[in-house]
Amino acid sequence: MTHDSRAFKPRNIAVAGRELALAWADGHESYLPFDDLRAGCPCSLCRGHRDAPPDPLPVLTAPARGQNEIPDPLPVGG
């Protein structure tokens, strides 16, 4: 069985309030809250390691819940 790879790519991506809106080729739409995306992120910063003792040379910190933003979503990669 072969799959049409276009069916798994969103045809439109936009920010709708505090959600990432995805419109799929089959007509389905998904709305993903920023905080849920942050909670599902596998990086160490988002997985809770930000609660470790303060780093004297912090490079980056995660925003507090409710403060996440996606200013300009752009598709990248395959």
C-alpha atoms as a PDB file:
ATOM      1  CA  MET A   1       0.000   0.000   0.000  1.00  0.00           C
ATOM      2  CA  THR A   2       1.431   3.390  -0.940  1.00  0.00           C
ATOM      3  CA  HIS A   3       0.588   6.684   0.671  1.00  0.00           C
ATOM      4  CA  ASP A   4       0.430  10.065  -0.996  1.00  0.00           C
ATOM      5  CA  SER A   5       3.005  12.112   0.961  1.00  0.00           C
ATOM      6  CA  ARG A   6       1.008  15.275   0.218  1.00  0.00           C
ATOM      7  CA  ALA A   7      -1.787  13.932   2.450  1.00  0.00           C
ATOM      8  CA  PHE A   8       0.532  14.217   5.482  1.00  0.00           C
ATOM      9  CA  LYS A   9       1.621  17.800   4.850  1.00  0.00           C
ATOM     10  CA  PRO A  10      -0.503  20.739   5.934  1.00  0.00           C
ATOM     11  CA  ARG A  11      -1.694  22.915   3.083  1.00  0.00           C
ATOM     12  CA  ASN A  12      -1.867  25.943   5.381  1.00  0.00           C
ATOM     13  CA  ILE A  13      -0.310  26.884   8.734  1.00  0.00           C
ATOM     14  CA  ALA A  14      -1.340  29.938  10.718  1.00  0.00           C
ATOM     15  CA  VAL A  15      -1.439  31.336  14.224  1.00  0.00           C
ATOM     16  CA  ALA A  16      -5.007  31.680  15.520  1.00  0.00           C
ATOM     17  CA  GLY A  17      -5.007  33.443  18.873  1.00  0.00           C
ATOM     18  CA  ARG A  18      -2.940  31.212  21.166  1.00  0.00           C
ATOM     19  CA  GLU A  19      -3.103  28.147  18.897  1.00  0.00           C
ATOM     20  CA  LEU A  20      -1.252  26.843  15.862  1.00  0.00           C
ATOM     21  CA  ALA A  21      -3.871  26.191  13.160  1.00  0.00           C
ATOM     22  CA  LEU A  22      -3.164  23.488  10.553  1.00  0.00           C
ATOM     23  CA  ALA A  23      -5.352  22.914   7.494  1.00  0.00           C
ATOM     24  CA  TRP A  24      -4.807  19.473   5.911  1.00  0.00           C
ATOM     25  CA  ALA A  25      -5.269  18.376   2.295  1.00  0.00           C
ATOM     26  CA  ASP A  26      -8.278  16.216   3.240  1.00  0.00           C
ATOM     27  CA  GLY A  27     -10.125  19.269   4.632  1.00  0.00           C
ATOM     28  CA  HIS A  28      -9.479  18.449   8.297  1.00  0.00           C
ATOM     29  CA  GLU A  29      -8.278  21.290  10.540  1.00  0.00           C
ATOM     30  CA  SER A  30      -6.199  20.946  13.691  1.00  0.00           C
ATOM     31  CA  TYR A  31      -5.805  23.576  16.406  1.00  0.00           C
ATOM     32  CA  LEU A  32      -2.878  23.016  18.750  1.00  0.00           C
ATOM     33  CA  PRO A  33      -2.582  25.254  21.851  1.00  0.00           C
ATOM     34  CA  PHE A  34       0.907  26.726  22.286  1.00  0.00           C
ATOM     35  CA  ASP A  35       1.152  25.404  25.835  1.00  0.00           C
ATOM     36  CA  ASP A  36       0.305  21.856  24.679  1.00  0.00           C
ATOM     37  CA  LEU A  37       3.012  22.070  22.012  1.00  0.00           C
ATOM     38  CA  ARG A  38       5.503  23.221  24.634  1.00  0.00           C
ATOM     39  CA  ALA A  39       4.413  20.425  26.996  1.00  0.00           C
ATOM     40  CA  GLY A  40       4.902  17.825  24.237  1.00  0.00           C
ATOM     41  CA  CYS A  41       8.335  19.097  23.200  1.00  0.00           C
ATOM     42  CA  PRO A  42      11.094  16.525  23.872  1.00  0.00           C
ATOM     43  CA  CYS A  43      13.958  18.989  24.447  1.00  0.00           C
ATOM     44  CA  SER A  44      15.554  19.155  27.901  1.00  0.00           C
ATOM     45  CA  LEU A  45      14.497  22.769  28.401  1.00  0.00           C
ATOM     46  CA  CYS A  46      10.825  21.898  27.883  1.00  0.00           C
ATOM     47  CA  ARG A  47      11.033  18.557  29.737  1.00  0.00           C
ATOM     48  CA  GLY A  48      11.479  20.349  33.037  1.00  0.00           C
ATOM     49  CA  HIS A  49      15.222  20.671  33.324  1.00  0.00           C
ATOM     50  CA  ARG A  50      14.717  24.433  33.486  1.00  0.00           C
ATOM     51  CA  ASP A  51      13.852  23.890  37.177  1.00  0.00           C
ATOM     52  CA  ALA A  52      17.421  22.795  37.885  1.00  0.00           C
ATOM     53  CA  PRO A  53      19.709  25.092  39.871  1.00  0.00           C
ATOM     54  CA  PRO A  54      20.377  28.351  38.022  1.00  0.00           C
ATOM     55  CA  ASP A  55      23.079  28.249  35.392  1.00  0.00           C
ATOM     56  CA  PRO A  56      25.544  31.127  35.780  1.00  0.00           C
ATOM     57  CA  LEU A  57      25.701  31.419  31.971  1.00  0.00           C
ATOM     58  CA  PRO A  58      22.153  30.838  30.741  1.00  0.00           C
ATOM     59  CA  VAL A  59      21.795  30.790  26.977  1.00  0.00           C
ATOM     60  CA  LEU A  60      18.050  30.419  26.764  1.00  0.00           C
ATOM     61  CA  THR A  61      15.055  30.020  29.015  1.00  0.00           C
ATOM     62  CA  ALA A  62      11.601  28.709  28.254  1.00  0.00           C
ATOM     63  CA  PRO A  63       8.634  31.060  28.565  1.00  0.00           C
ATOM     64  CA  ALA A  64       6.213  30.522  31.433  1.00  0.00           C
ATOM     65  CA  ARG A  65       2.959  28.664  30.743  1.00  0.00           C
ATOM     66  CA  GLY A  66       0.611  30.994  28.880  1.00  0.00           C
ATOM     67  CA  GLN A  67       3.502  33.099  27.554  1.00  0.00           C
ATOM     68  CA  ASN A  68       4.498  30.927  24.555  1.00  0.00           C
ATOM     69  CA  GLU A  69       4.255  32.602  21.162  1.00  0.00           C
ATOM     70  CA  ILE A  70       4.719  31.530  17.559  1.00  0.00           C
ATOM     71  CA  PRO A  71       5.300  34.820  15.735  1.00  0.00           C
ATOM     72  CA  ASP A  72       5.822  33.552  12.171  1.00  0.00           C
ATOM     73  CA  PRO A  73       5.375  29.806  11.503  1.00  0.00           C
ATOM     74  CA  LEU A  74       7.451  28.557   8.580  1.00  0.00           C
ATOM     75  CA  PRO A  75       7.690  24.974   7.310  1.00  0.00           C
ATOM     76  CA  VAL A  76      11.201  23.488   7.418  1.00  0.00           C
ATOM     77  CA  GLY A  77      12.739  20.140   6.564  1.00  0.00           C
ATOM     78  CA  GLY A  78      11.090  17.182   4.864  1.00  0.00           C
END
